[in-house]
Amino acid sequence: MLELRNLVKRYPVGDGEPVRAVDGVSLAVGPGELVALYGPSGSGKTTLLMMIAALLRPDSGSVTMDGRDVSRLSEREAARFRLSELGFVRQSLHLLESASALDNAALKLMGTDLGADAAQRRVIPLLERLGLSGRVDHRAERLSMGERQRVMIARALSTEPKLVLADEPTSNLDSARGEEVLRLLTEVCRERRTAVLLVTHDPMAAAHADRVHALRDGKLVEYGPGRLAVAAQ
């Protein structure tokens, strides 16, 4: 499914040596598997996700999905990849405030050949599965933070992607709402055999994963019981 091979991304810093935001990362995620990347802010997690989403080109290495190197896609091909094969649950909740939960969830599908009505029909079962059956007609501005995050998950899953990237999905939620969102994301993705790569600095989020890798200063480092707190320092 997803395979990263020796990914490197550097950023220039004045006249000094470039900073390696991602430094030789290799990782694989299979269908239906949830893999967590745990690490503090500035460890390279978001840069890694941006390269997987073909929003940022690596300096070296490759990102392959089903054997295709997405880091070499043209801009048009990359946009199609993000639309049809990738779901992205971002840390910031980009919802249209005056639009309903239903319209917000269907927004990605409206970029496909489906019409608006068909797009809405497609996402209604997802919203119901995510516990929003009674909120589909509510405008985004009337939704709680947990409900807004679930709308974002429904949008990400609406095109039945092979891979979901989740960037700090619990950062705006209290522990109870965060646990609920993670449980629902995990359940729905397992049902659909969707691969999930979750980046987080939240030990509760990491606990939902099949495997956890720690990322520190752009490198994958050893992970084991008791090492989460060390990686976050």
C-alpha atoms as a PDB file:
ATOM      1  CA  MET A   1       0.000   0.000   0.000  1.00  0.00           C
ATOM      2  CA  LEU A   2       2.051   2.989   1.266  1.00  0.00           C
ATOM      3  CA  GLU A   3       5.833   2.745   1.321  1.00  0.00           C
ATOM      4  CA  LEU A   4       8.323   5.467   2.204  1.00  0.00           C
ATOM      5  CA  ARG A   5      11.947   4.868   1.246  1.00  0.00           C
ATOM      6  CA  ASN A   6      14.770   6.984   2.659  1.00  0.00           C
ATOM      7  CA  LEU A   7      12.782  10.220   2.508  1.00  0.00           C
ATOM      8  CA  VAL A   8      14.777  13.416   3.011  1.00  0.00           C
ATOM      9  CA  LYS A   9      13.576  17.026   3.085  1.00  0.00           C
ATOM     10  CA  ARG A  10      15.882  19.921   3.955  1.00  0.00           C
ATOM     11  CA  TYR A  11      15.091  23.582   4.652  1.00  0.00           C
ATOM     12  CA  PRO A  12      17.711  26.339   4.291  1.00  0.00           C
ATOM     13  CA  VAL A  13      18.574  28.369   7.410  1.00  0.00           C
ATOM     14  CA  GLY A  14      20.405  31.593   6.557  1.00  0.00           C
ATOM     15  CA  ASP A  15      24.071  30.931   5.811  1.00  0.00           C
ATOM     16  CA  GLY A  16      24.213  27.829   7.966  1.00  0.00           C
ATOM     17  CA  GLU A  17      23.701  24.176   7.244  1.00  0.00           C
ATOM     18  CA  PRO A  18      20.193  23.256   6.019  1.00  0.00           C
ATOM     19  CA  VAL A  19      17.878  21.719   8.598  1.00  0.00           C
ATOM     20  CA  ARG A  20      16.828  18.178   7.767  1.00  0.00           C
ATOM     21  CA  ALA A  21      13.112  18.294   8.622  1.00  0.00           C
ATOM     22  CA  VAL A  22      12.817  14.687   7.453  1.00  0.00           C
ATOM     23  CA  ASP A  23      16.018  12.688   7.543  1.00  0.00           C
ATOM     24  CA  GLY A  24      16.060   9.281   5.853  1.00  0.00           C
ATOM     25  CA  VAL A  25      12.618   8.019   6.883  1.00  0.00           C
ATOM     26  CA  SER A  26      11.521   4.576   5.663  1.00  0.00           C
ATOM     27  CA  LEU A  27       8.100   3.218   6.626  1.00  0.00           C
ATOM     28  CA  ALA A  28       5.293   1.008   5.262  1.00  0.00           C
ATOM     29  CA  VAL A  29       1.557   1.005   6.039  1.00  0.00           C
ATOM     30  CA  GLY A  30      -0.754  -1.772   4.842  1.00  0.00           C
ATOM     31  CA  PRO A  31      -4.513  -1.886   4.116  1.00  0.00           C
ATOM     32  CA  GLY A  32      -6.628  -1.600   7.264  1.00  0.00           C
ATOM     33  CA  GLU A  33      -3.587  -0.769   9.373  1.00  0.00           C
ATOM     34  CA  LEU A  34      -3.322   2.264  11.646  1.00  0.00           C
ATOM     35  CA  VAL A  35       0.255   3.434  12.183  1.00  0.00           C
ATOM     36  CA  ALA A  36       1.050   6.331  14.499  1.00  0.00           C
ATOM     37  CA  LEU A  37       4.006   8.693  14.282  1.00  0.00           C
ATOM     38  CA  TYR A  38       4.562  10.133  17.719  1.00  0.00           C
ATOM     39  CA  GLY A  39       6.708  13.182  18.343  1.00  0.00           C
ATOM     40  CA  PRO A  40       6.802  16.779  19.579  1.00  0.00           C
ATOM     41  CA  SER A  41       6.176  19.902  17.502  1.00  0.00           C
ATOM     42  CA  GLY A  42       9.032  20.509  15.078  1.00  0.00           C
ATOM     43  CA  SER A  43       9.971  16.834  14.833  1.00  0.00           C
ATOM     44  CA  GLY A  44       9.135  16.647  11.103  1.00  0.00           C
ATOM     45  CA  LYS A  45       5.691  15.006  11.295  1.00  0.00           C
ATOM     46  CA  THR A  46       3.759  17.547   9.238  1.00  0.00           C
ATOM     47  CA  THR A  47       6.514  17.833   6.613  1.00  0.00           C
ATOM     48  CA  LEU A  48       6.335  14.070   6.209  1.00  0.00           C
ATOM     49  CA  LEU A  49       2.565  14.176   5.682  1.00  0.00           C
ATOM     50  CA  MET A  50       2.904  16.953   3.126  1.00  0.00           C
ATOM     51  CA  MET A  51       5.274  14.814   1.068  1.00  0.00           C
ATOM     52  CA  ILE A  52       2.965  11.787   1.262  1.00  0.00           C
ATOM     53  CA  ALA A  53       0.089  13.995   0.070  1.00  0.00           C
ATOM     54  CA  ALA A  54       2.210  15.186  -2.895  1.00  0.00           C
ATOM     55  CA  LEU A  55       2.000  18.757  -1.605  1.00  0.00           C
ATOM     56  CA  LEU A  56       5.762  18.912  -1.093  1.00  0.00           C
ATOM     57  CA  ARG A  57       8.508  17.205  -3.086  1.00  0.00           C
ATOM     58  CA  PRO A  58      11.247  15.340  -1.205  1.00  0.00           C
ATOM     59  CA  ASP A  59      14.879  16.195  -1.846  1.00  0.00           C
ATOM     60  CA  SER A  60      15.550  12.481  -2.141  1.00  0.00           C
ATOM     61  CA  GLY A  61      13.822   9.184  -1.529  1.00  0.00           C
ATOM     62  CA  SER A  62      10.384   8.076  -2.677  1.00  0.00           C
ATOM     63  CA  VAL A  63       6.733   7.860  -1.634  1.00  0.00           C
ATOM     64  CA  THR A  64       4.934   4.979  -3.336  1.00  0.00           C
ATOM     65  CA  MET A  65       1.278   4.017  -3.271  1.00  0.00           C
ATOM     66  CA  ASP A  66       0.580   0.594  -4.765  1.00  0.00           C
ATOM     67  CA  GLY A  67       3.952   0.796  -6.495  1.00  0.00           C
ATOM     68  CA  ARG A  68       3.447   4.280  -7.998  1.00  0.00           C
ATOM     69  CA  ASP A  69       5.846   7.047  -6.948  1.00  0.00           C
ATOM     70  CA  VAL A  70       3.514   9.910  -6.010  1.00  0.00           C
ATOM     71  CA  SER A  71       6.447  12.250  -5.393  1.00  0.00           C
ATOM     72  CA  ARG A  72       6.966  12.365  -9.169  1.00  0.00           C
ATOM     73  CA  LEU A  73       3.378  13.202 -10.125  1.00  0.00           C
ATOM     74  CA  SER A  74       2.580  16.345 -12.090  1.00  0.00           C
ATOM     75  CA  GLU A  75       0.486  18.977 -10.309  1.00  0.00           C
ATOM     76  CA  ARG A  76      -2.625  17.791 -12.120  1.00  0.00           C
ATOM     77  CA  GLU A  77      -1.927  14.139 -11.327  1.00  0.00           C
ATOM     78  CA  ALA A  78      -1.183  15.022  -7.689  1.00  0.00           C
ATOM     79  CA  ALA A  79      -4.513  16.868  -7.393  1.00  0.00           C
ATOM     80  CA  ARG A  80      -6.334  13.822  -8.770  1.00  0.00           C
ATOM     81  CA  PHE A  81      -4.432  11.569  -6.347  1.00  0.00           C
ATOM     82  CA  ARG A  82      -5.484  13.712  -3.369  1.00  0.00           C
ATOM     83  CA  LEU A  83      -9.077  13.765  -4.572  1.00  0.00           C
ATOM     84  CA  SER A  84      -9.602  10.095  -5.295  1.00  0.00           C
ATOM     85  CA  GLU A  85      -7.016   8.054  -3.370  1.00  0.00           C
ATOM     86  CA  LEU A  86      -6.195  10.113  -0.291  1.00  0.00           C
ATOM     87  CA  GLY A  87      -8.162  11.388   2.695  1.00  0.00           C
ATOM     88  CA  PHE A  88      -6.593  14.154   4.791  1.00  0.00           C
ATOM     89  CA  VAL A  89      -7.862  14.972   8.294  1.00  0.00           C
ATOM     90  CA  ARG A  90      -6.045  18.181   9.128  1.00  0.00           C
ATOM     91  CA  GLN A  91      -5.362  19.784  12.469  1.00  0.00           C
ATOM     92  CA  SER A  92      -7.240  22.943  11.448  1.00  0.00           C
ATOM     93  CA  LEU A  93     -10.957  22.422  10.874  1.00  0.00           C
ATOM     94  CA  HIS A  94     -11.637  23.918   7.435  1.00  0.00           C
ATOM     95  CA  LEU A  95     -15.444  24.028   7.331  1.00  0.00           C
ATOM     96  CA  LEU A  96     -17.742  26.461   5.541  1.00  0.00           C
ATOM     97  CA  GLU A  97     -19.376  28.083   8.562  1.00  0.00           C
ATOM     98  CA  SER A  98     -22.691  28.925   6.877  1.00  0.00           C
ATOM     99  CA  ALA A  99     -23.004  25.516   5.187  1.00  0.00           C
ATOM    100  CA  SER A 100     -24.605  22.457   6.761  1.00  0.00           C
ATOM    101  CA  ALA A 101     -22.713  19.479   8.132  1.00  0.00           C
ATOM    102  CA  LEU A 102     -24.047  17.527   5.132  1.00  0.00           C
ATOM    103  CA  ASP A 103     -22.756  20.032   2.567  1.00  0.00           C
ATOM    104  CA  ASN A 104     -19.395  20.275   4.323  1.00  0.00           C
ATOM    105  CA  ALA A 105     -18.994  16.496   4.369  1.00  0.00           C
ATOM    106  CA  ALA A 106     -19.940  16.258   0.677  1.00  0.00           C
ATOM    107  CA  LEU A 107     -17.584  19.056  -0.397  1.00  0.00           C
ATOM    108  CA  LYS A 108     -14.799  16.759  -1.623  1.00  0.00           C
ATOM    109  CA  LEU A 109     -17.201  14.591  -3.617  1.00  0.00           C
ATOM    110  CA  MET A 110     -18.501  17.696  -5.372  1.00  0.00           C
ATOM    111  CA  GLY A 111     -15.092  17.920  -7.045  1.00  0.00           C
ATOM    112  CA  THR A 112     -15.798  14.585  -8.772  1.00  0.00           C
ATOM    113  CA  ASP A 113     -18.274  13.685 -11.524  1.00  0.00           C
ATOM    114  CA  LEU A 114     -21.069  13.241  -8.976  1.00  0.00           C
ATOM    115  CA  GLY A 115     -23.738  15.901  -8.762  1.00  0.00           C
ATOM    116  CA  ALA A 116     -24.558  17.651  -5.496  1.00  0.00           C
ATOM    117  CA  ASP A 117     -27.548  15.417  -4.710  1.00  0.00           C
ATOM    118  CA  ALA A 118     -25.612  12.207  -5.335  1.00  0.00           C
ATOM    119  CA  ALA A 119     -22.693  13.510  -3.264  1.00  0.00           C
ATOM    120  CA  GLN A 120     -25.000  14.210  -0.337  1.00  0.00           C
ATOM    121  CA  ARG A 121     -26.595  10.778  -0.591  1.00  0.00           C
ATOM    122  CA  ARG A 122     -23.131   9.206  -0.549  1.00  0.00           C
ATOM    123  CA  VAL A 123     -22.030  10.874   2.693  1.00  0.00           C
ATOM    124  CA  ILE A 124     -25.241  10.489   4.709  1.00  0.00           C
ATOM    125  CA  PRO A 125     -24.394   6.872   5.780  1.00  0.00           C
ATOM    126  CA  LEU A 126     -20.932   8.067   6.815  1.00  0.00           C
ATOM    127  CA  LEU A 127     -22.351  10.892   8.920  1.00  0.00           C
ATOM    128  CA  GLU A 128     -24.770   8.450  10.520  1.00  0.00           C
ATOM    129  CA  ARG A 129     -21.941   6.000  11.223  1.00  0.00           C
ATOM    130  CA  LEU A 130     -20.013   8.843  12.856  1.00  0.00           C
ATOM    131  CA  GLY A 131     -22.936   9.703  15.147  1.00  0.00           C
ATOM    132  CA  LEU A 132     -24.152  12.810  13.317  1.00  0.00           C
ATOM    133  CA  SER A 133     -27.520  11.621  12.015  1.00  0.00           C
ATOM    134  CA  GLY A 134     -29.328  14.305  14.013  1.00  0.00           C
ATOM    135  CA  ARG A 135     -26.936  17.092  12.998  1.00  0.00           C
ATOM    136  CA  VAL A 136     -26.715  16.816   9.198  1.00  0.00           C
ATOM    137  CA  ASP A 137     -28.778  19.971   8.603  1.00  0.00           C
ATOM    138  CA  HIS A 138     -27.024  22.061  11.251  1.00  0.00           C
ATOM    139  CA  ARG A 139     -24.690  24.775  10.025  1.00  0.00           C
ATOM    140  CA  ALA A 140     -21.037  24.273  10.888  1.00  0.00           C
ATOM    141  CA  GLU A 141     -21.077  27.278  13.202  1.00  0.00           C
ATOM    142  CA  ARG A 142     -23.550  25.413  15.425  1.00  0.00           C
ATOM    143  CA  LEU A 143     -21.468  22.248  15.736  1.00  0.00           C
ATOM    144  CA  SER A 144     -19.224  21.371  18.667  1.00  0.00           C
ATOM    145  CA  MET A 145     -15.505  20.855  18.100  1.00  0.00           C
ATOM    146  CA  GLY A 146     -15.927  17.079  18.263  1.00  0.00           C
ATOM    147  CA  GLU A 147     -18.790  17.206  15.748  1.00  0.00           C
ATOM    148  CA  ARG A 148     -16.752  19.405  13.429  1.00  0.00           C
ATOM    149  CA  GLN A 149     -13.869  16.927  13.535  1.00  0.00           C
ATOM    150  CA  ARG A 150     -16.252  14.083  12.686  1.00  0.00           C
ATOM    151  CA  VAL A 151     -17.510  16.071   9.677  1.00  0.00           C
ATOM    152  CA  MET A 152     -13.876  16.393   8.569  1.00  0.00           C
ATOM    153  CA  ILE A 153     -13.452  12.631   8.906  1.00  0.00           C
ATOM    154  CA  ALA A 154     -16.604  12.032   6.849  1.00  0.00           C
ATOM    155  CA  ARG A 155     -15.269  14.376   4.155  1.00  0.00           C
ATOM    156  CA  ALA A 156     -11.899  12.605   4.127  1.00  0.00           C
ATOM    157  CA  LEU A 157     -13.545   9.182   3.781  1.00  0.00           C
ATOM    158  CA  SER A 158     -16.229  10.257   1.287  1.00  0.00           C
ATOM    159  CA  THR A 159     -14.250   9.258  -1.813  1.00  0.00           C
ATOM    160  CA  GLU A 160     -13.393   5.859  -0.329  1.00  0.00           C
ATOM    161  CA  PRO A 161      -9.644   6.579  -0.295  1.00  0.00           C
ATOM    162  CA  LYS A 162      -6.986   3.910   0.071  1.00  0.00           C
ATOM    163  CA  LEU A 163      -5.070   5.996   2.599  1.00  0.00           C
ATOM    164  CA  VAL A 164      -6.052   8.511   5.288  1.00  0.00           C
ATOM    165  CA  LEU A 165      -3.549  10.947   6.774  1.00  0.00           C
ATOM    166  CA  ALA A 166      -4.580  12.338  10.155  1.00  0.00           C
ATOM    167  CA  ASP A 167      -2.598  15.345  11.385  1.00  0.00           C
ATOM    168  CA  GLU A 168      -3.093  15.828  15.152  1.00  0.00           C
ATOM    169  CA  PRO A 169      -6.847  15.045  14.917  1.00  0.00           C
ATOM    170  CA  THR A 170      -7.395  15.434  18.679  1.00  0.00           C
ATOM    171  CA  SER A 171      -5.473  18.679  19.203  1.00  0.00           C
ATOM    172  CA  ASN A 172      -8.627  20.821  19.521  1.00  0.00           C
ATOM    173  CA  LEU A 173     -10.600  18.337  21.620  1.00  0.00           C
ATOM    174  CA  ASP A 174     -10.882  17.451  25.283  1.00  0.00           C
ATOM    175  CA  SER A 175      -9.884  13.917  26.265  1.00  0.00           C
ATOM    176  CA  ALA A 176     -13.417  12.456  26.107  1.00  0.00           C
ATOM    177  CA  ARG A 177     -14.197  13.925  22.675  1.00  0.00           C
ATOM    178  CA  GLY A 178     -10.730  13.017  21.433  1.00  0.00           C
ATOM    179  CA  GLU A 179     -11.179   9.401  22.504  1.00  0.00           C
ATOM    180  CA  GLU A 180     -14.562   9.275  20.759  1.00  0.00           C
ATOM    181  CA  VAL A 181     -13.203  10.695  17.495  1.00  0.00           C
ATOM    182  CA  LEU A 182     -10.239   8.302  17.487  1.00  0.00           C
ATOM    183  CA  ARG A 183     -12.443   5.298  18.183  1.00  0.00           C
ATOM    184  CA  LEU A 184     -14.787   6.191  15.323  1.00  0.00           C
ATOM    185  CA  LEU A 185     -11.931   6.882  12.904  1.00  0.00           C
ATOM    186  CA  THR A 186     -10.317   3.558  13.793  1.00  0.00           C
ATOM    187  CA  GLU A 187     -13.553   1.573  13.477  1.00  0.00           C
ATOM    188  CA  VAL A 188     -14.616   3.053  10.137  1.00  0.00           C
ATOM    189  CA  CYS A 189     -11.181   2.647   8.589  1.00  0.00           C
ATOM    190  CA  ARG A 190     -10.883  -0.963   9.708  1.00  0.00           C
ATOM    191  CA  GLU A 191     -14.309  -1.720   8.251  1.00  0.00           C
ATOM    192  CA  ARG A 192     -13.217  -0.235   4.926  1.00  0.00           C
ATOM    193  CA  ARG A 193      -9.668  -1.670   4.978  1.00  0.00           C
ATOM    194  CA  THR A 194      -8.333   1.868   4.722  1.00  0.00           C
ATOM    195  CA  ALA A 195      -4.697   2.469   5.681  1.00  0.00           C
ATOM    196  CA  VAL A 196      -4.234   5.260   8.246  1.00  0.00           C
ATOM    197  CA  LEU A 197      -1.119   7.219   9.148  1.00  0.00           C
ATOM    198  CA  LEU A 198      -1.741   9.247  12.289  1.00  0.00           C
ATOM    199  CA  VAL A 199       0.727  11.896  13.462  1.00  0.00           C
ATOM    200  CA  THR A 200       0.343  13.030  17.029  1.00  0.00           C
ATOM    201  CA  HIS A 201       2.013  14.143  20.237  1.00  0.00           C
ATOM    202  CA  ASP A 202      -0.908  12.718  22.244  1.00  0.00           C
ATOM    203  CA  PRO A 203      -0.205   9.371  23.996  1.00  0.00           C
ATOM    204  CA  MET A 204      -3.954   8.609  24.009  1.00  0.00           C
ATOM    205  CA  ALA A 205      -4.039   8.881  20.215  1.00  0.00           C
ATOM    206  CA  ALA A 206      -0.955   6.722  19.804  1.00  0.00           C
ATOM    207  CA  ALA A 207      -2.555   4.033  21.956  1.00  0.00           C
ATOM    208  CA  HIS A 208      -5.132   3.353  19.199  1.00  0.00           C
ATOM    209  CA  ALA A 209      -2.462   2.361  16.672  1.00  0.00           C
ATOM    210  CA  ASP A 210      -1.393  -1.085  15.538  1.00  0.00           C
ATOM    211  CA  ARG A 211       2.184   0.190  15.468  1.00  0.00           C
ATOM    212  CA  VAL A 212       3.794   3.338  16.846  1.00  0.00           C
ATOM    213  CA  HIS A 213       6.992   4.949  15.609  1.00  0.00           C
ATOM    214  CA  ALA A 214       8.634   7.892  17.312  1.00  0.00           C
ATOM    215  CA  LEU A 215       9.864  10.786  15.172  1.00  0.00           C
ATOM    216  CA  ARG A 216      12.518  13.069  16.568  1.00  0.00           C
ATOM    217  CA  ASP A 217      14.481  15.706  14.665  1.00  0.00           C
ATOM    218  CA  GLY A 218      13.289  14.221  11.400  1.00  0.00           C
ATOM    219  CA  LYS A 219      14.432  10.656  12.182  1.00  0.00           C
ATOM    220  CA  LEU A 220      12.514   7.547  13.155  1.00  0.00           C
ATOM    221  CA  VAL A 221      13.835   6.481  16.529  1.00  0.00           C
ATOM    222  CA  GLU A 222      13.258   3.496  18.765  1.00  0.00           C
ATOM    223  CA  TYR A 223       9.814   3.256  20.272  1.00  0.00           C
ATOM    224  CA  GLY A 224       8.873   1.171  23.246  1.00  0.00           C
ATOM    225  CA  PRO A 225       6.905   1.332  26.500  1.00  0.00           C
ATOM    226  CA  GLY A 226       7.917   4.383  28.498  1.00  0.00           C
ATOM    227  CA  ARG A 227       9.629   6.138  25.579  1.00  0.00           C
ATOM    228  CA  LEU A 228       6.733   8.397  24.560  1.00  0.00           C
ATOM    229  CA  ALA A 229       7.468  10.915  27.282  1.00  0.00           C
ATOM    230  CA  VAL A 230      11.141  10.937  26.322  1.00  0.00           C
ATOM    231  CA  ALA A 231      10.362  11.558  22.641  1.00  0.00           C
ATOM    232  CA  ALA A 232       8.065  14.445  23.558  1.00  0.00           C
ATOM    233  CA  GLN A 233      10.636  16.303  25.661  1.00  0.00           C
END
